[in-house]
């Protein structure tokens, strides 16, 4: 639990808020005491910091499939980067070469192609 005097907020983590929402817990008693002392302060829950992973779902297979469909002439360069430097360099190269790649699969077109 953190008290921010400048912004007049009582900041709790999600875990602290869950515990404080149960009467007769230590966290509940502590929060009630602080709220009595500082009635003009607002209680807020701290949002967790989410880290975006640009490589999520980007496997060697998906990169190779995309290159084969959109720029087969770049496959040799991709395989060279992949074998020499590994995944971090290969994914960075891929995202640089194919910035339009979203990784979203269009299931309707996949079904149409299969039929």
PDB file of N, CA and C in Angstrom:
ATOM      1  N   UNK A   1       0.848  -1.164   0.000  1.00  0.00           N
ATOM      2  CA  UNK A   1       0.000   0.000   0.000  1.00  0.00           C
ATOM      3  C   UNK A   1       0.896   1.231   0.000  1.00  0.00           C
ATOM      4  N   UNK A   2       0.541   2.167  -0.858  1.00  0.00           N
ATOM      5  CA  UNK A   2       1.362   3.358  -1.002  1.00  0.00           C
ATOM      6  C   UNK A   2       0.449   4.584  -0.950  1.00  0.00           C
ATOM      7  N   UNK A   3       0.914   5.603  -0.246  1.00  0.00           N
ATOM      8  CA  UNK A   3       0.150   6.845  -0.153  1.00  0.00           C
ATOM      9  C   UNK A   3       0.879   7.913  -0.946  1.00  0.00           C
ATOM     10  N   UNK A   4       0.191   8.486  -1.926  1.00  0.00           N
ATOM     11  CA  UNK A   4       0.759   9.550  -2.752  1.00  0.00           C
ATOM     12  C   UNK A   4       0.112  10.867  -2.321  1.00  0.00           C
ATOM     13  N   UNK A   5       0.857  11.670  -1.582  1.00  0.00           N
ATOM     14  CA  UNK A   5       0.300  12.899  -1.026  1.00  0.00           C
ATOM     15  C   UNK A   5       0.072  13.969  -2.087  1.00  0.00           C
ATOM     16  N   UNK A   6       0.923  14.039  -3.094  1.00  0.00           N
ATOM     17  CA  UNK A   6       0.783  15.075  -4.119  1.00  0.00           C
ATOM     18  C   UNK A   6      -0.480  14.852  -4.940  1.00  0.00           C
ATOM     19  N   UNK A   7      -0.701  13.604  -5.373  1.00  0.00           N
ATOM     20  CA  UNK A   7      -1.884  13.315  -6.190  1.00  0.00           C
ATOM     21  C   UNK A   7      -3.102  12.934  -5.350  1.00  0.00           C
ATOM     22  N   UNK A   8      -2.926  12.866  -4.032  1.00  0.00           N
ATOM     23  CA  UNK A   8      -3.986  12.519  -3.086  1.00  0.00           C
ATOM     24  C   UNK A   8      -4.627  11.175  -3.443  1.00  0.00           C
ATOM     25  N   UNK A   9      -3.756  10.152  -3.519  1.00  0.00           N
ATOM     26  CA  UNK A   9      -4.232   8.815  -3.840  1.00  0.00           C
ATOM     27  C   UNK A   9      -3.646   7.790  -2.871  1.00  0.00           C
ATOM     28  N   UNK A  10      -4.428   6.768  -2.599  1.00  0.00           N
ATOM     29  CA  UNK A  10      -3.980   5.592  -1.866  1.00  0.00           C
ATOM     30  C   UNK A  10      -3.905   4.489  -2.915  1.00  0.00           C
ATOM     31  N   UNK A  11      -2.702   4.031  -3.191  1.00  0.00           N
ATOM     32  CA  UNK A  11      -2.501   3.088  -4.285  1.00  0.00           C
ATOM     33  C   UNK A  11      -2.251   1.693  -3.725  1.00  0.00           C
ATOM     34  N   UNK A  12      -3.037   0.737  -4.204  1.00  0.00           N
ATOM     35  CA  UNK A  12      -2.913  -0.654  -3.793  1.00  0.00           C
ATOM     36  C   UNK A  12      -2.630  -1.509  -5.024  1.00  0.00           C
ATOM     37  N   UNK A  13      -1.940  -2.616  -4.820  1.00  0.00           N
ATOM     38  CA  UNK A  13      -1.800  -3.589  -5.894  1.00  0.00           C
ATOM     39  C   UNK A  13      -3.099  -4.391  -5.960  1.00  0.00           C
ATOM     40  N   UNK A  14      -3.270  -5.154  -7.024  1.00  0.00           N
ATOM     41  CA  UNK A  14      -4.479  -5.963  -7.154  1.00  0.00           C
ATOM     42  C   UNK A  14      -4.590  -6.975  -6.018  1.00  0.00           C
ATOM     43  N   UNK A  15      -3.463  -7.530  -5.619  1.00  0.00           N
ATOM     44  CA  UNK A  15      -3.457  -8.496  -4.518  1.00  0.00           C
ATOM     45  C   UNK A  15      -3.859  -7.823  -3.208  1.00  0.00           C
ATOM     46  N   UNK A  16      -3.315  -6.627  -2.954  1.00  0.00           N
ATOM     47  CA  UNK A  16      -3.679  -5.892  -1.733  1.00  0.00           C
ATOM     48  C   UNK A  16      -5.162  -5.530  -1.731  1.00  0.00           C
ATOM     49  N   UNK A  17      -5.686  -5.137  -2.888  1.00  0.00           N
ATOM     50  CA  UNK A  17      -7.103  -4.764  -2.970  1.00  0.00           C
ATOM     51  C   UNK A  17      -7.994  -5.976  -2.708  1.00  0.00           C
ATOM     52  N   UNK A  18      -7.596  -7.126  -3.223  1.00  0.00           N
ATOM     53  CA  UNK A  18      -8.368  -8.347  -2.993  1.00  0.00           C
ATOM     54  C   UNK A  18      -8.412  -8.673  -1.501  1.00  0.00           C
ATOM     55  N   UNK A  19      -7.259  -8.554  -0.828  1.00  0.00           N
ATOM     56  CA  UNK A  19      -7.211  -8.821   0.609  1.00  0.00           C
ATOM     57  C   UNK A  19      -7.972  -7.758   1.398  1.00  0.00           C
ATOM     58  N   UNK A  20      -7.850  -6.498   0.970  1.00  0.00           N
ATOM     59  CA  UNK A  20      -8.517  -5.408   1.692  1.00  0.00           C
ATOM     60  C   UNK A  20     -10.025  -5.428   1.497  1.00  0.00           C
ATOM     61  N   UNK A  21     -10.501  -6.130   0.505  1.00  0.00           N
ATOM     62  CA  UNK A  21     -11.949  -6.185   0.280  1.00  0.00           C
ATOM     63  C   UNK A  21     -12.632  -7.206   1.183  1.00  0.00           C
ATOM     64  N   UNK A  22     -11.851  -7.938   1.966  1.00  0.00           N
ATOM     65  CA  UNK A  22     -12.411  -8.904   2.917  1.00  0.00           C
ATOM     66  C   UNK A  22     -12.376  -8.314   4.322  1.00  0.00           C
ATOM     67  N   UNK A  23     -13.523  -8.129   4.939  1.00  0.00           N
ATOM     68  CA  UNK A  23     -13.553  -7.587   6.301  1.00  0.00           C
ATOM     69  C   UNK A  23     -12.790  -8.490   7.279  1.00  0.00           C
ATOM     70  N   UNK A  24     -12.281  -7.871   8.294  1.00  0.00           N
ATOM     71  CA  UNK A  24     -11.542  -8.544   9.370  1.00  0.00           C
ATOM     72  C   UNK A  24     -10.166  -9.050   8.950  1.00  0.00           C
ATOM     73  N   UNK A  25      -9.651  -8.583   7.826  1.00  0.00           N
ATOM     74  CA  UNK A  25      -8.263  -8.893   7.479  1.00  0.00           C
ATOM     75  C   UNK A  25      -7.399  -7.724   7.897  1.00  0.00           C
ATOM     76  N   UNK A  26      -6.110  -7.967   8.009  1.00  0.00           N
ATOM     77  CA  UNK A  26      -5.168  -6.913   8.395  1.00  0.00           C
ATOM     78  C   UNK A  26      -5.177  -5.785   7.353  1.00  0.00           C
ATOM     79  N   UNK A  27      -5.240  -6.145   6.071  1.00  0.00           N
ATOM     80  CA  UNK A  27      -5.234  -5.154   4.997  1.00  0.00           C
ATOM     81  C   UNK A  27      -6.497  -4.296   5.018  1.00  0.00           C
ATOM     82  N   UNK A  28      -7.638  -4.914   5.334  1.00  0.00           N
ATOM     83  CA  UNK A  28      -8.896  -4.177   5.435  1.00  0.00           C
ATOM     84  C   UNK A  28      -8.807  -3.139   6.553  1.00  0.00           C
ATOM     85  N   UNK A  29      -8.351  -3.578   7.719  1.00  0.00           N
ATOM     86  CA  UNK A  29      -8.225  -2.674   8.860  1.00  0.00           C
ATOM     87  C   UNK A  29      -7.264  -1.526   8.551  1.00  0.00           C
ATOM     88  N   UNK A  30      -6.157  -1.834   7.894  1.00  0.00           N
ATOM     89  CA  UNK A  30      -5.173  -0.819   7.535  1.00  0.00           C
ATOM     90  C   UNK A  30      -5.769   0.192   6.552  1.00  0.00           C
ATOM     91  N   UNK A  31      -6.479  -0.289   5.540  1.00  0.00           N
ATOM     92  CA  UNK A  31      -7.080   0.607   4.554  1.00  0.00           C
ATOM     93  C   UNK A  31      -8.152   1.489   5.196  1.00  0.00           C
ATOM     94  N   UNK A  32      -8.981   0.938   6.042  1.00  0.00           N
ATOM     95  CA  UNK A  32     -10.025   1.716   6.719  1.00  0.00           C
ATOM     96  C   UNK A  32      -9.399   2.800   7.589  1.00  0.00           C
ATOM     97  N   UNK A  33      -8.332   2.458   8.295  1.00  0.00           N
ATOM     98  CA  UNK A  33      -7.639   3.430   9.145  1.00  0.00           C
ATOM     99  C   UNK A  33      -7.071   4.581   8.310  1.00  0.00           C
ATOM    100  N   UNK A  34      -6.453   4.247   7.193  1.00  0.00           N
ATOM    101  CA  UNK A  34      -5.889   5.290   6.322  1.00  0.00           C
ATOM    102  C   UNK A  34      -7.005   6.147   5.724  1.00  0.00           C
ATOM    103  N   UNK A  35      -8.098   5.522   5.322  1.00  0.00           N
ATOM    104  CA  UNK A  35      -9.213   6.280   4.736  1.00  0.00           C
ATOM    105  C   UNK A  35      -9.845   7.222   5.767  1.00  0.00           C
ATOM    106  N   UNK A  36      -9.875   6.814   7.022  1.00  0.00           N
ATOM    107  CA  UNK A  36     -10.391   7.700   8.074  1.00  0.00           C
ATOM    108  C   UNK A  36      -9.465   8.891   8.280  1.00  0.00           C
ATOM    109  N   UNK A  37      -8.153   8.626   8.230  1.00  0.00           N
ATOM    110  CA  UNK A  37      -7.174   9.695   8.415  1.00  0.00           C
ATOM    111  C   UNK A  37      -7.120  10.646   7.226  1.00  0.00           C
ATOM    112  N   UNK A  38      -7.356  10.109   6.049  1.00  0.00           N
ATOM    113  CA  UNK A  38      -7.237  10.898   4.815  1.00  0.00           C
ATOM    114  C   UNK A  38      -8.514  10.777   3.975  1.00  0.00           C
ATOM    115  N   UNK A  39      -9.622  11.363   4.435  1.00  0.00           N
ATOM    116  CA  UNK A  39     -10.898  11.179   3.739  1.00  0.00           C
ATOM    117  C   UNK A  39     -10.947  11.786   2.332  1.00  0.00           C
ATOM    118  N   UNK A  40     -10.104  12.760   2.060  1.00  0.00           N
ATOM    119  CA  UNK A  40     -10.123  13.388   0.731  1.00  0.00           C
ATOM    120  C   UNK A  40      -9.296  12.603  -0.297  1.00  0.00           C
ATOM    121  N   UNK A  41      -8.600  11.555   0.127  1.00  0.00           N
ATOM    122  CA  UNK A  41      -7.785  10.756  -0.783  1.00  0.00           C
ATOM    123  C   UNK A  41      -8.643   9.709  -1.490  1.00  0.00           C
ATOM    124  N   UNK A  42      -8.275   9.411  -2.713  1.00  0.00           N
ATOM    125  CA  UNK A  42      -8.999   8.434  -3.516  1.00  0.00           C
ATOM    126  C   UNK A  42      -8.214   7.112  -3.529  1.00  0.00           C
ATOM    127  N   UNK A  43      -8.906   5.998  -3.428  1.00  0.00           N
ATOM    128  CA  UNK A  43      -8.278   4.678  -3.458  1.00  0.00           C
ATOM    129  C   UNK A  43      -8.222   4.213  -4.911  1.00  0.00           C
ATOM    130  N   UNK A  44      -7.032   3.828  -5.370  1.00  0.00           N
ATOM    131  CA  UNK A  44      -6.860   3.320  -6.725  1.00  0.00           C
ATOM    132  C   UNK A  44      -6.062   2.019  -6.697  1.00  0.00           C
ATOM    133  N   UNK A  45      -6.221   1.243  -7.762  1.00  0.00           N
ATOM    134  CA  UNK A  45      -5.483  -0.011  -7.896  1.00  0.00           C
ATOM    135  C   UNK A  45      -4.417   0.189  -8.959  1.00  0.00           C
ATOM    136  N   UNK A  46      -3.197  -0.148  -8.604  1.00  0.00           N
ATOM    137  CA  UNK A  46      -2.071  -0.006  -9.533  1.00  0.00           C
ATOM    138  C   UNK A  46      -2.203  -1.054 -10.631  1.00  0.00           C
ATOM    139  N   UNK A  47      -2.160  -0.591 -11.881  1.00  0.00           N
ATOM    140  CA  UNK A  47      -2.244  -1.498 -13.016  1.00  0.00           C
ATOM    141  C   UNK A  47      -0.873  -2.113 -13.274  1.00  0.00           C
ATOM    142  N   UNK A  48      -0.827  -3.409 -13.539  1.00  0.00           N
ATOM    143  CA  UNK A  48       0.467  -4.035 -13.797  1.00  0.00           C
ATOM    144  C   UNK A  48       1.072  -3.526 -15.100  1.00  0.00           C
ATOM    145  N   UNK A  49       2.375  -3.465 -15.137  1.00  0.00           N
ATOM    146  CA  UNK A  49       3.092  -3.034 -16.331  1.00  0.00           C
ATOM    147  C   UNK A  49       3.143  -4.201 -17.305  1.00  0.00           C
ATOM    148  N   UNK A  50       2.550  -4.027 -18.476  1.00  0.00           N
ATOM    149  CA  UNK A  50       2.505  -5.089 -19.471  1.00  0.00           C
ATOM    150  C   UNK A  50       3.580  -4.825 -20.513  1.00  0.00           C
ATOM    151  N   UNK A  51       4.379  -5.818 -20.752  1.00  0.00           N
ATOM    152  CA  UNK A  51       5.444  -5.710 -21.745  1.00  0.00           C
ATOM    153  C   UNK A  51       4.964  -6.366 -23.030  1.00  0.00           C
ATOM    154  N   UNK A  52       4.979  -5.585 -24.110  1.00  0.00           N
ATOM    155  CA  UNK A  52       4.566  -6.107 -25.405  1.00  0.00           C
ATOM    156  C   UNK A  52       5.701  -6.921 -26.008  1.00  0.00           C
ATOM    157  N   UNK A  53       5.406  -8.124 -26.423  1.00  0.00           N
ATOM    158  CA  UNK A  53       6.410  -8.992 -27.032  1.00  0.00           C
ATOM    159  C   UNK A  53       6.158  -9.016 -28.535  1.00  0.00           C
ATOM    160  N   UNK A  54       7.011  -8.339 -29.305  1.00  0.00           N
ATOM    161  CA  UNK A  54       6.844  -8.254 -30.756  1.00  0.00           C
ATOM    162  C   UNK A  54       7.014  -9.607 -31.424  1.00  0.00           C
ATOM    163  N   UNK A  55       7.687 -10.547 -30.776  1.00  0.00           N
ATOM    164  CA  UNK A  55       7.939 -11.849 -31.378  1.00  0.00           C
ATOM    165  C   UNK A  55       6.921 -12.907 -30.986  1.00  0.00           C
ATOM    166  N   UNK A  56       5.881 -12.524 -30.286  1.00  0.00           N
ATOM    167  CA  UNK A  56       4.899 -13.496 -29.847  1.00  0.00           C
ATOM    168  C   UNK A  56       4.239 -14.155 -31.062  1.00  0.00           C
ATOM    169  N   UNK A  57       4.299 -15.449 -31.114  1.00  0.00           N
ATOM    170  CA  UNK A  57       3.705 -16.201 -32.209  1.00  0.00           C
ATOM    171  C   UNK A  57       4.537 -16.202 -33.484  1.00  0.00           C
ATOM    172  N   UNK A  58       5.701 -15.616 -33.441  1.00  0.00           N
ATOM    173  CA  UNK A  58       6.557 -15.537 -34.623  1.00  0.00           C
ATOM    174  C   UNK A  58       7.581 -16.672 -34.562  1.00  0.00           C
ATOM    175  N   UNK A  59       7.234 -17.782 -35.169  1.00  0.00           N
ATOM    176  CA  UNK A  59       8.128 -18.944 -35.174  1.00  0.00           C
ATOM    177  C   UNK A  59       8.887 -18.996 -36.486  1.00  0.00           C
ATOM    178  N   UNK A  60       9.906 -19.848 -36.519  1.00  0.00           N
ATOM    179  CA  UNK A  60      10.635 -20.046 -37.767  1.00  0.00           C
ATOM    180  C   UNK A  60       9.676 -20.487 -38.873  1.00  0.00           C
ATOM    181  N   UNK A  61       8.760 -21.391 -38.524  1.00  0.00           N
ATOM    182  CA  UNK A  61       7.817 -21.917 -39.520  1.00  0.00           C
ATOM    183  C   UNK A  61       6.936 -20.809 -40.084  1.00  0.00           C
ATOM    184  N   UNK A  62       6.427 -19.936 -39.220  1.00  0.00           N
ATOM    185  CA  UNK A  62       5.562 -18.856 -39.709  1.00  0.00           C
ATOM    186  C   UNK A  62       6.349 -17.861 -40.556  1.00  0.00           C
ATOM    187  N   UNK A  63       7.601 -17.591 -40.174  1.00  0.00           N
ATOM    188  CA  UNK A  63       8.420 -16.691 -40.986  1.00  0.00           C
ATOM    189  C   UNK A  63       8.701 -17.306 -42.356  1.00  0.00           C
ATOM    190  N   UNK A  64       9.070 -18.581 -42.374  1.00  0.00           N
ATOM    191  CA  UNK A  64       9.365 -19.254 -43.639  1.00  0.00           C
ATOM    192  C   UNK A  64       8.136 -19.317 -44.532  1.00  0.00           C
ATOM    193  N   UNK A  65       6.988 -19.604 -43.950  1.00  0.00           N
ATOM    194  CA  UNK A  65       5.752 -19.676 -44.729  1.00  0.00           C
ATOM    195  C   UNK A  65       5.420 -18.314 -45.340  1.00  0.00           C
ATOM    196  N   UNK A  66       5.570 -17.254 -44.560  1.00  0.00           N
ATOM    197  CA  UNK A  66       5.271 -15.910 -45.056  1.00  0.00           C
ATOM    198  C   UNK A  66       6.242 -15.520 -46.171  1.00  0.00           C
ATOM    199  N   UNK A  67       7.512 -15.816 -45.990  1.00  0.00           N
ATOM    200  CA  UNK A  67       8.505 -15.480 -47.013  1.00  0.00           C
ATOM    201  C   UNK A  67       8.231 -16.274 -48.286  1.00  0.00           C
ATOM    202  N   UNK A  68       7.909 -17.559 -48.158  1.00  0.00           N
ATOM    203  CA  UNK A  68       7.634 -18.402 -49.318  1.00  0.00           C
ATOM    204  C   UNK A  68       6.449 -17.873 -50.120  1.00  0.00           C
ATOM    205  N   UNK A  69       5.450 -17.325 -49.432  1.00  0.00           N
ATOM    206  CA  UNK A  69       4.258 -16.826 -50.119  1.00  0.00           C
ATOM    207  C   UNK A  69       4.449 -15.429 -50.698  1.00  0.00           C
ATOM    208  N   UNK A  70       5.221 -14.571 -50.024  1.00  0.00           N
ATOM    209  CA  UNK A  70       5.281 -13.165 -50.410  1.00  0.00           C
ATOM    210  C   UNK A  70       6.588 -12.728 -51.066  1.00  0.00           C
ATOM    211  N   UNK A  71       7.683 -13.391 -50.767  1.00  0.00           N
ATOM    212  CA  UNK A  71       8.974 -12.998 -51.350  1.00  0.00           C
ATOM    213  C   UNK A  71       9.929 -14.187 -51.346  1.00  0.00           C
ATOM    214  N   UNK A  72       9.662 -15.188 -52.195  1.00  0.00           N
ATOM    215  CA  UNK A  72      10.507 -16.388 -52.176  1.00  0.00           C
ATOM    216  C   UNK A  72      11.984 -16.103 -52.475  1.00  0.00           C
ATOM    217  N   UNK A  73      12.258 -15.002 -53.154  1.00  0.00           N
ATOM    218  CA  UNK A  73      13.642 -14.654 -53.464  1.00  0.00           C
ATOM    219  C   UNK A  73      14.423 -14.242 -52.222  1.00  0.00           C
ATOM    220  N   UNK A  74      13.749 -13.919 -51.123  1.00  0.00           N
ATOM    221  CA  UNK A  74      14.399 -13.511 -49.871  1.00  0.00           C
ATOM    222  C   UNK A  74      14.647 -14.695 -48.936  1.00  0.00           C
ATOM    223  N   UNK A  75      14.199 -15.894 -49.325  1.00  0.00           N
ATOM    224  CA  UNK A  75      14.326 -17.067 -48.459  1.00  0.00           C
ATOM    225  C   UNK A  75      15.791 -17.398 -48.176  1.00  0.00           C
ATOM    226  N   UNK A  76      16.642 -17.308 -49.174  1.00  0.00           N
ATOM    227  CA  UNK A  76      18.058 -17.632 -48.978  1.00  0.00           C
ATOM    228  C   UNK A  76      18.702 -16.691 -47.956  1.00  0.00           C
ATOM    229  N   UNK A  77      18.375 -15.403 -48.036  1.00  0.00           N
ATOM    230  CA  UNK A  77      18.912 -14.437 -47.069  1.00  0.00           C
ATOM    231  C   UNK A  77      18.410 -14.755 -45.662  1.00  0.00           C
ATOM    232  N   UNK A  78      17.135 -15.105 -45.547  1.00  0.00           N
ATOM    233  CA  UNK A  78      16.571 -15.454 -44.246  1.00  0.00           C
ATOM    234  C   UNK A  78      17.276 -16.669 -43.658  1.00  0.00           C
ATOM    235  N   UNK A  79      17.440 -17.719 -44.460  1.00  0.00           N
ATOM    236  CA  UNK A  79      18.086 -18.934 -43.965  1.00  0.00           C
ATOM    237  C   UNK A  79      19.527 -18.677 -43.568  1.00  0.00           C
ATOM    238  N   UNK A  80      20.185 -17.767 -44.268  1.00  0.00           N
ATOM    239  CA  UNK A  80      21.560 -17.407 -43.929  1.00  0.00           C
ATOM    240  C   UNK A  80      21.625 -16.704 -42.576  1.00  0.00           C
ATOM    241  N   UNK A  81      20.759 -15.725 -42.366  1.00  0.00           N
ATOM    242  CA  UNK A  81      20.717 -15.005 -41.080  1.00  0.00           C
ATOM    243  C   UNK A  81      20.362 -15.965 -39.956  1.00  0.00           C
ATOM    244  N   UNK A  82      19.393 -16.835 -40.216  1.00  0.00           N
ATOM    245  CA  UNK A  82      18.939 -17.794 -39.206  1.00  0.00           C
ATOM    246  C   UNK A  82      20.069 -18.730 -38.784  1.00  0.00           C
ATOM    247  N   UNK A  83      20.804 -19.273 -39.757  1.00  0.00           N
ATOM    248  CA  UNK A  83      21.851 -20.241 -39.415  1.00  0.00           C
ATOM    249  C   UNK A  83      23.074 -19.577 -38.764  1.00  0.00           C
ATOM    250  N   UNK A  84      23.371 -18.350 -39.154  1.00  0.00           N
ATOM    251  CA  UNK A  84      24.560 -17.686 -38.611  1.00  0.00           C
ATOM    252  C   UNK A  84      24.329 -17.055 -37.248  1.00  0.00           C
ATOM    253  N   UNK A  85      23.148 -16.465 -37.039  1.00  0.00           N
ATOM    254  CA  UNK A  85      22.950 -15.636 -35.846  1.00  0.00           C
ATOM    255  C   UNK A  85      21.851 -16.110 -34.903  1.00  0.00           C
ATOM    256  N   UNK A  86      20.993 -17.019 -35.326  1.00  0.00           N
ATOM    257  CA  UNK A  86      19.956 -17.535 -34.444  1.00  0.00           C
ATOM    258  C   UNK A  86      18.668 -16.726 -34.469  1.00  0.00           C
ATOM    259  N   UNK A  87      17.781 -17.104 -33.545  1.00  0.00           N
ATOM    260  CA  UNK A  87      16.430 -16.547 -33.559  1.00  0.00           C
ATOM    261  C   UNK A  87      16.357 -15.036 -33.356  1.00  0.00           C
ATOM    262  N   UNK A  88      17.041 -14.444 -32.373  1.00  0.00           N
ATOM    263  CA  UNK A  88      16.880 -12.992 -32.179  1.00  0.00           C
ATOM    264  C   UNK A  88      17.199 -12.185 -33.444  1.00  0.00           C
ATOM    265  N   UNK A  89      18.287 -12.533 -34.101  1.00  0.00           N
ATOM    266  CA  UNK A  89      18.667 -11.803 -35.315  1.00  0.00           C
ATOM    267  C   UNK A  89      17.715 -12.114 -36.457  1.00  0.00           C
ATOM    268  N   UNK A  90      17.285 -13.372 -36.571  1.00  0.00           N
ATOM    269  CA  UNK A  90      16.378 -13.757 -37.656  1.00  0.00           C
ATOM    270  C   UNK A  90      15.030 -13.053 -37.512  1.00  0.00           C
ATOM    271  N   UNK A  91      14.505 -12.974 -36.290  1.00  0.00           N
ATOM    272  CA  UNK A  91      13.216 -12.305 -36.099  1.00  0.00           C
ATOM    273  C   UNK A  91      13.339 -10.800 -36.331  1.00  0.00           C
ATOM    274  N   UNK A  92      14.450 -10.222 -35.925  1.00  0.00           N
ATOM    275  CA  UNK A  92      14.662  -8.790 -36.161  1.00  0.00           C
ATOM    276  C   UNK A  92      14.790  -8.518 -37.661  1.00  0.00           C
ATOM    277  N   UNK A  93      15.523  -9.357 -38.357  1.00  0.00           N
ATOM    278  CA  UNK A  93      15.662  -9.224 -39.811  1.00  0.00           C
ATOM    279  C   UNK A  93      14.295  -9.341 -40.475  1.00  0.00           C
ATOM    280  N   UNK A  94      13.520 -10.356 -40.064  1.00  0.00           N
ATOM    281  CA  UNK A  94      12.196 -10.596 -40.647  1.00  0.00           C
ATOM    282  C   UNK A  94      11.276  -9.401 -40.445  1.00  0.00           C
ATOM    283  N   UNK A  95      11.221  -8.886 -39.214  1.00  0.00           N
ATOM    284  CA  UNK A  95      10.349  -7.734 -38.934  1.00  0.00           C
ATOM    285  C   UNK A  95      10.805  -6.498 -39.694  1.00  0.00           C
ATOM    286  N   UNK A  96      12.116  -6.372 -39.941  1.00  0.00           N
ATOM    287  CA  UNK A  96      12.621  -5.249 -40.717  1.00  0.00           C
ATOM    288  C   UNK A  96      12.287  -5.369 -42.187  1.00  0.00           C
ATOM    289  N   UNK A  97      12.393  -6.587 -42.721  1.00  0.00           N
ATOM    290  CA  UNK A  97      12.121  -6.821 -44.141  1.00  0.00           C
ATOM    291  C   UNK A  97      10.633  -6.829 -44.455  1.00  0.00           C
ATOM    292  N   UNK A  98       9.831  -7.340 -43.535  1.00  0.00           N
ATOM    293  CA  UNK A  98       8.400  -7.508 -43.768  1.00  0.00           C
ATOM    294  C   UNK A  98       7.613  -6.787 -42.672  1.00  0.00           C
ATOM    295  N   UNK A  99       7.700  -5.482 -42.665  1.00  0.00           N
ATOM    296  CA  UNK A  99       7.034  -4.668 -41.635  1.00  0.00           C
ATOM    297  C   UNK A  99       5.520  -4.817 -41.694  1.00  0.00           C
ATOM    298  N   UNK A 100       4.997  -5.193 -42.848  1.00  0.00           N
ATOM    299  CA  UNK A 100       3.545  -5.334 -43.002  1.00  0.00           C
ATOM    300  C   UNK A 100       3.020  -6.619 -42.366  1.00  0.00           C
ATOM    301  N   UNK A 101       3.908  -7.533 -41.979  1.00  0.00           N
ATOM    302  CA  UNK A 101       3.495  -8.805 -41.389  1.00  0.00           C
ATOM    303  C   UNK A 101       2.806  -8.546 -40.055  1.00  0.00           C
ATOM    304  N   UNK A 102       1.591  -9.070 -39.919  1.00  0.00           N
ATOM    305  CA  UNK A 102       0.856  -8.870 -38.674  1.00  0.00           C
ATOM    306  C   UNK A 102       0.779 -10.144 -37.850  1.00  0.00           C
ATOM    307  N   UNK A 103       0.999 -11.284 -38.488  1.00  0.00           N
ATOM    308  CA  UNK A 103       0.928 -12.541 -37.766  1.00  0.00           C
ATOM    309  C   UNK A 103      -0.487 -13.034 -37.573  1.00  0.00           C
ATOM    310  N   UNK A 104      -1.472 -12.276 -38.047  1.00  0.00           N
ATOM    311  CA  UNK A 104      -2.866 -12.665 -37.911  1.00  0.00           C
ATOM    312  C   UNK A 104      -3.219 -13.583 -39.070  1.00  0.00           C
ATOM    313  N   UNK A 105      -3.758 -14.733 -38.752  1.00  0.00           N
ATOM    314  CA  UNK A 105      -4.132 -15.686 -39.777  1.00  0.00           C
ATOM    315  C   UNK A 105      -5.552 -15.407 -40.215  1.00  0.00           C
ATOM    316  N   UNK A 106      -5.751 -15.311 -41.518  1.00  0.00           N
ATOM    317  CA  UNK A 106      -7.090 -15.126 -42.068  1.00  0.00           C
ATOM    318  C   UNK A 106      -7.685 -16.513 -42.286  1.00  0.00           C
ATOM    319  N   UNK A 107      -8.516 -16.959 -41.350  1.00  0.00           N
ATOM    320  CA  UNK A 107      -9.036 -18.316 -41.397  1.00  0.00           C
ATOM    321  C   UNK A 107      -9.978 -18.514 -42.580  1.00  0.00           C
ATOM    322  N   UNK A 108     -10.694 -17.498 -42.995  1.00  0.00           N
ATOM    323  CA  UNK A 108     -11.612 -17.638 -44.128  1.00  0.00           C
ATOM    324  C   UNK A 108     -10.850 -17.953 -45.407  1.00  0.00           C
ATOM    325  N   UNK A 109      -9.764 -17.225 -45.659  1.00  0.00           N
ATOM    326  CA  UNK A 109      -8.987 -17.489 -46.866  1.00  0.00           C
ATOM    327  C   UNK A 109      -8.285 -18.845 -46.767  1.00  0.00           C
ATOM    328  N   UNK A 110      -7.890 -19.252 -45.573  1.00  0.00           N
ATOM    329  CA  UNK A 110      -7.265 -20.561 -45.390  1.00  0.00           C
ATOM    330  C   UNK A 110      -8.252 -21.662 -45.716  1.00  0.00           C
ATOM    331  N   UNK A 111      -9.502 -21.515 -45.276  1.00  0.00           N
ATOM    332  CA  UNK A 111     -10.524 -22.501 -45.570  1.00  0.00           C
ATOM    333  C   UNK A 111     -10.852 -22.540 -47.056  1.00  0.00           C
ATOM    334  N   UNK A 112     -10.906 -21.365 -47.682  1.00  0.00           N
ATOM    335  CA  UNK A 112     -11.201 -21.294 -49.116  1.00  0.00           C
ATOM    336  C   UNK A 112     -10.098 -21.969 -49.929  1.00  0.00           C
ATOM    337  N   UNK A 113      -8.845 -21.792 -49.504  1.00  0.00           N
ATOM    338  CA  UNK A 113      -7.720 -22.399 -50.212  1.00  0.00           C
ATOM    339  C   UNK A 113      -7.759 -23.917 -50.062  1.00  0.00           C
ATOM    340  N   UNK A 114      -8.187 -24.395 -48.894  1.00  0.00           N
ATOM    341  CA  UNK A 114      -8.219 -25.823 -48.628  1.00  0.00           C
ATOM    342  C   UNK A 114      -9.344 -26.508 -49.407  1.00  0.00           C
ATOM    343  N   UNK A 115     -10.399 -25.790 -49.706  1.00  0.00           N
ATOM    344  CA  UNK A 115     -11.567 -26.393 -50.395  1.00  0.00           C
ATOM    345  C   UNK A 115     -11.359 -26.558 -51.866  1.00  0.00           C
TER     346      UNK A 115
END
